[in-house]
Amino acid sequence: MTPWNNSDLTEIGTAEELDLESERADGTLRAPVTMWVVRAGDRLYVRSVKGVDGPWYQGTRSRLRGRIEAGGVRADVAFRDADPGEYADVDAAYREKYGTGTPASSTTS
């Protein structure tokens, strides 16, 4: 996985949208899904409009790996669920950037 530097985190975190490709069990990537992205601290967060039932979210569960592209940065990433202790910061980042908040579901690292 790509180690983050502050420049990449800033470019991705300030991009309006992010393209996410989750990895299938055979190692190939699924078609990209476009979504909102925020940065909170040194992590990037994306959310599923349909929660854990969203098709893209279900796709991240098979390998917990994939690729993202936003703000001119393309990176291989690992997915993990956000910890409940992160929710308040992520909610605040979504409200500040997009004027709304939705339930937290996943983060990339």
C-alpha atoms as a PDB file:
ATOM      1  CA  MET A   1       0.000   0.000   0.000  1.00  0.00           C
ATOM      2  CA  THR A   2       1.079   3.566  -0.642  1.00  0.00           C
ATOM      3  CA  PRO A   3       2.521   5.417   2.348  1.00  0.00           C
ATOM      4  CA  TRP A   4       0.765   8.783   2.730  1.00  0.00           C
ATOM      5  CA  ASN A   5       2.567  12.073   2.681  1.00  0.00           C
ATOM      6  CA  ASN A   6       0.953  15.361   3.678  1.00  0.00           C
ATOM      7  CA  SER A   7       0.809  16.590   0.070  1.00  0.00           C
ATOM      8  CA  ASP A   8      -1.133  13.514  -1.115  1.00  0.00           C
ATOM      9  CA  LEU A   9      -3.483  13.664   1.875  1.00  0.00           C
ATOM     10  CA  THR A  10      -4.168  17.333   1.171  1.00  0.00           C
ATOM     11  CA  GLU A  11      -4.730  16.808  -2.568  1.00  0.00           C
ATOM     12  CA  ILE A  12      -7.101  13.891  -2.028  1.00  0.00           C
ATOM     13  CA  GLY A  13      -8.800  15.425   0.996  1.00  0.00           C
ATOM     14  CA  THR A  14      -9.583  18.678  -0.812  1.00  0.00           C
ATOM     15  CA  ALA A  15     -10.785  17.002  -4.022  1.00  0.00           C
ATOM     16  CA  GLU A  16     -14.549  17.242  -4.495  1.00  0.00           C
ATOM     17  CA  GLU A  17     -14.827  13.545  -5.306  1.00  0.00           C
ATOM     18  CA  LEU A  18     -12.776  10.372  -5.234  1.00  0.00           C
ATOM     19  CA  ASP A  19     -12.862   7.325  -7.539  1.00  0.00           C
ATOM     20  CA  LEU A  20     -12.610   4.061  -5.623  1.00  0.00           C
ATOM     21  CA  GLU A  21     -11.901   0.630  -7.110  1.00  0.00           C
ATOM     22  CA  SER A  22     -12.131  -2.294  -4.701  1.00  0.00           C
ATOM     23  CA  GLU A  23     -10.130  -5.445  -5.286  1.00  0.00           C
ATOM     24  CA  ARG A  24     -11.886  -8.716  -6.100  1.00  0.00           C
ATOM     25  CA  ALA A  25     -10.856 -12.028  -4.537  1.00  0.00           C
ATOM     26  CA  ASP A  26      -8.855 -12.795  -7.713  1.00  0.00           C
ATOM     27  CA  GLY A  27      -6.867  -9.550  -7.363  1.00  0.00           C
ATOM     28  CA  THR A  28      -8.518  -7.649 -10.230  1.00  0.00           C
ATOM     29  CA  LEU A  29     -10.149  -4.294  -9.607  1.00  0.00           C
ATOM     30  CA  ARG A  30     -13.860  -3.596  -9.843  1.00  0.00           C
ATOM     31  CA  ALA A  31     -15.177  -0.674 -11.880  1.00  0.00           C
ATOM     32  CA  PRO A  32     -14.588   2.662 -10.135  1.00  0.00           C
ATOM     33  CA  VAL A  33     -17.270   4.230  -7.953  1.00  0.00           C
ATOM     34  CA  THR A  34     -17.270   8.008  -7.518  1.00  0.00           C
ATOM     35  CA  MET A  35     -17.931   9.321  -4.013  1.00  0.00           C
ATOM     36  CA  TRP A  36     -17.283  12.146  -1.588  1.00  0.00           C
ATOM     37  CA  VAL A  37     -14.074  12.032   0.434  1.00  0.00           C
ATOM     38  CA  VAL A  38     -12.877  13.901   3.509  1.00  0.00           C
ATOM     39  CA  ARG A  39      -9.677  14.082   5.457  1.00  0.00           C
ATOM     40  CA  ALA A  40      -9.702  13.979   9.253  1.00  0.00           C
ATOM     41  CA  GLY A  41      -6.242  13.990  10.778  1.00  0.00           C
ATOM     42  CA  ASP A  42      -3.930  11.755   8.769  1.00  0.00           C
ATOM     43  CA  ARG A  43      -6.686   9.553   7.341  1.00  0.00           C
ATOM     44  CA  LEU A  44      -9.091   9.718   4.435  1.00  0.00           C
ATOM     45  CA  TYR A  45     -12.731   8.725   4.815  1.00  0.00           C
ATOM     46  CA  VAL A  46     -15.477   7.737   2.406  1.00  0.00           C
ATOM     47  CA  ARG A  47     -19.059   6.783   3.220  1.00  0.00           C
ATOM     48  CA  SER A  48     -21.645   4.538   1.697  1.00  0.00           C
ATOM     49  CA  VAL A  49     -24.990   6.215   1.011  1.00  0.00           C
ATOM     50  CA  LYS A  50     -26.616   2.798   1.498  1.00  0.00           C
ATOM     51  CA  GLY A  51     -24.536   1.985   4.584  1.00  0.00           C
ATOM     52  CA  VAL A  52     -23.046  -1.488   4.848  1.00  0.00           C
ATOM     53  CA  ASP A  53     -25.541  -2.742   2.231  1.00  0.00           C
ATOM     54  CA  GLY A  54     -24.036  -0.529  -0.486  1.00  0.00           C
ATOM     55  CA  PRO A  55     -22.558  -2.577  -3.350  1.00  0.00           C
ATOM     56  CA  TRP A  56     -19.191  -0.748  -3.329  1.00  0.00           C
ATOM     57  CA  TYR A  57     -18.920  -1.211   0.447  1.00  0.00           C
ATOM     58  CA  GLN A  58     -19.637  -4.925   0.107  1.00  0.00           C
ATOM     59  CA  GLY A  59     -16.930  -5.044  -2.565  1.00  0.00           C
ATOM     60  CA  THR A  60     -14.343  -3.686  -0.139  1.00  0.00           C
ATOM     61  CA  ARG A  61     -15.029  -6.579   2.232  1.00  0.00           C
ATOM     62  CA  SER A  62     -13.587  -9.307  -0.009  1.00  0.00           C
ATOM     63  CA  ARG A  63      -9.932  -8.213   0.170  1.00  0.00           C
ATOM     64  CA  LEU A  64      -9.894  -4.920   2.130  1.00  0.00           C
ATOM     65  CA  ARG A  65      -7.701  -3.498  -0.622  1.00  0.00           C
ATOM     66  CA  GLY A  66      -8.153  -1.385  -3.697  1.00  0.00           C
ATOM     67  CA  ARG A  67      -7.164   1.797  -5.462  1.00  0.00           C
ATOM     68  CA  ILE A  68      -8.304   5.384  -5.182  1.00  0.00           C
ATOM     69  CA  GLU A  69      -7.806   8.403  -7.403  1.00  0.00           C
ATOM     70  CA  ALA A  70      -8.535  12.030  -6.566  1.00  0.00           C
ATOM     71  CA  GLY A  71      -6.862  15.406  -6.828  1.00  0.00           C
ATOM     72  CA  GLY A  72      -4.313  14.047  -9.285  1.00  0.00           C
ATOM     73  CA  VAL A  73      -3.186  11.339  -6.846  1.00  0.00           C
ATOM     74  CA  ARG A  74      -3.633   7.633  -7.568  1.00  0.00           C
ATOM     75  CA  ALA A  75      -2.874   5.204  -4.735  1.00  0.00           C
ATOM     76  CA  ASP A  76      -3.263   1.582  -3.733  1.00  0.00           C
ATOM     77  CA  VAL A  77      -5.011   1.511  -0.370  1.00  0.00           C
ATOM     78  CA  ALA A  78      -6.191  -0.729   2.452  1.00  0.00           C
ATOM     79  CA  PHE A  79      -9.766  -0.313   3.710  1.00  0.00           C
ATOM     80  CA  ARG A  80     -10.861  -0.508   7.313  1.00  0.00           C
ATOM     81  CA  ASP A  81     -13.989   0.399   9.193  1.00  0.00           C
ATOM     82  CA  ALA A  82     -13.820   3.658  11.074  1.00  0.00           C
ATOM     83  CA  ASP A  83     -13.607   3.341  14.845  1.00  0.00           C
ATOM     84  CA  PRO A  84     -16.537   4.873  16.745  1.00  0.00           C
ATOM     85  CA  GLY A  85     -14.068   7.302  18.344  1.00  0.00           C
ATOM     86  CA  GLU A  86     -13.398   8.737  14.860  1.00  0.00           C
ATOM     87  CA  TYR A  87     -17.044   9.450  13.999  1.00  0.00           C
ATOM     88  CA  ALA A  88     -17.250  12.958  15.488  1.00  0.00           C
ATOM     89  CA  ASP A  89     -14.185  14.184  13.560  1.00  0.00           C
ATOM     90  CA  VAL A  90     -15.408  12.573  10.338  1.00  0.00           C
ATOM     91  CA  ASP A  91     -18.914  14.040  10.784  1.00  0.00           C
ATOM     92  CA  ALA A  92     -17.367  17.482  11.320  1.00  0.00           C
ATOM     93  CA  ALA A  93     -15.174  17.105   8.220  1.00  0.00           C
ATOM     94  CA  TYR A  94     -18.210  16.151   6.093  1.00  0.00           C
ATOM     95  CA  ARG A  95     -20.276  19.069   7.442  1.00  0.00           C
ATOM     96  CA  GLU A  96     -17.433  21.527   6.820  1.00  0.00           C
ATOM     97  CA  LYS A  97     -16.730  20.285   3.296  1.00  0.00           C
ATOM     98  CA  TYR A  98     -20.172  19.313   2.001  1.00  0.00           C
ATOM     99  CA  GLY A  99     -22.606  20.842   4.495  1.00  0.00           C
ATOM    100  CA  THR A 100     -24.000  17.467   5.523  1.00  0.00           C
ATOM    101  CA  GLY A 101     -23.185  14.401   7.589  1.00  0.00           C
ATOM    102  CA  THR A 102     -23.945  10.738   7.015  1.00  0.00           C
ATOM    103  CA  PRO A 103     -23.269   7.599   9.086  1.00  0.00           C
ATOM    104  CA  ALA A 104     -19.591   6.577   9.089  1.00  0.00           C
ATOM    105  CA  SER A 105     -18.780   3.313   7.393  1.00  0.00           C
ATOM    106  CA  SER A 106     -15.233   3.030   6.116  1.00  0.00           C
ATOM    107  CA  THR A 107     -11.847   4.672   5.864  1.00  0.00           C
ATOM    108  CA  THR A 108      -8.844   4.178   3.629  1.00  0.00           C
ATOM    109  CA  SER A 109      -5.344   3.976   4.968  1.00  0.00           C
END
